[in-house]
């Protein structure tokens, strides 16, 4: 979403913003941390729901900047590179309909930073 294909075509690194849906309205603000889909996949890997959500992003080659002052969460954030999601798990996560993408002018724009025009 948010013009990812355009950014990649221009050599711009596409980076995850608020990958755990911090600004999402309730009840979606916890979906990527404790939701049924991420926690069920996490059980198969002995990982948390948040780790699954972040790994989904990272495994697509998208850098993330998870924020935490909690040492346990920081350690979990660093443990994203010793395991992989299966193709089936990636497909399930990619096909999820919650939390919804919202806030922008279209269903595929989160509203964070839509591209209005490009000056070259």
Foldseek 3Di string as FASTA:
>chain_A
DQCVVVCVVVVHAAADDPLQQCVPDPPQSCCQFANPLLCVQCVVVVATSVLSSQLLCVVVVHHYDDDDPDPVVVVSVVPSPPDHRDPVSSVVVVPDCPPFQDDDPDRVHNVPDHDPDDDD
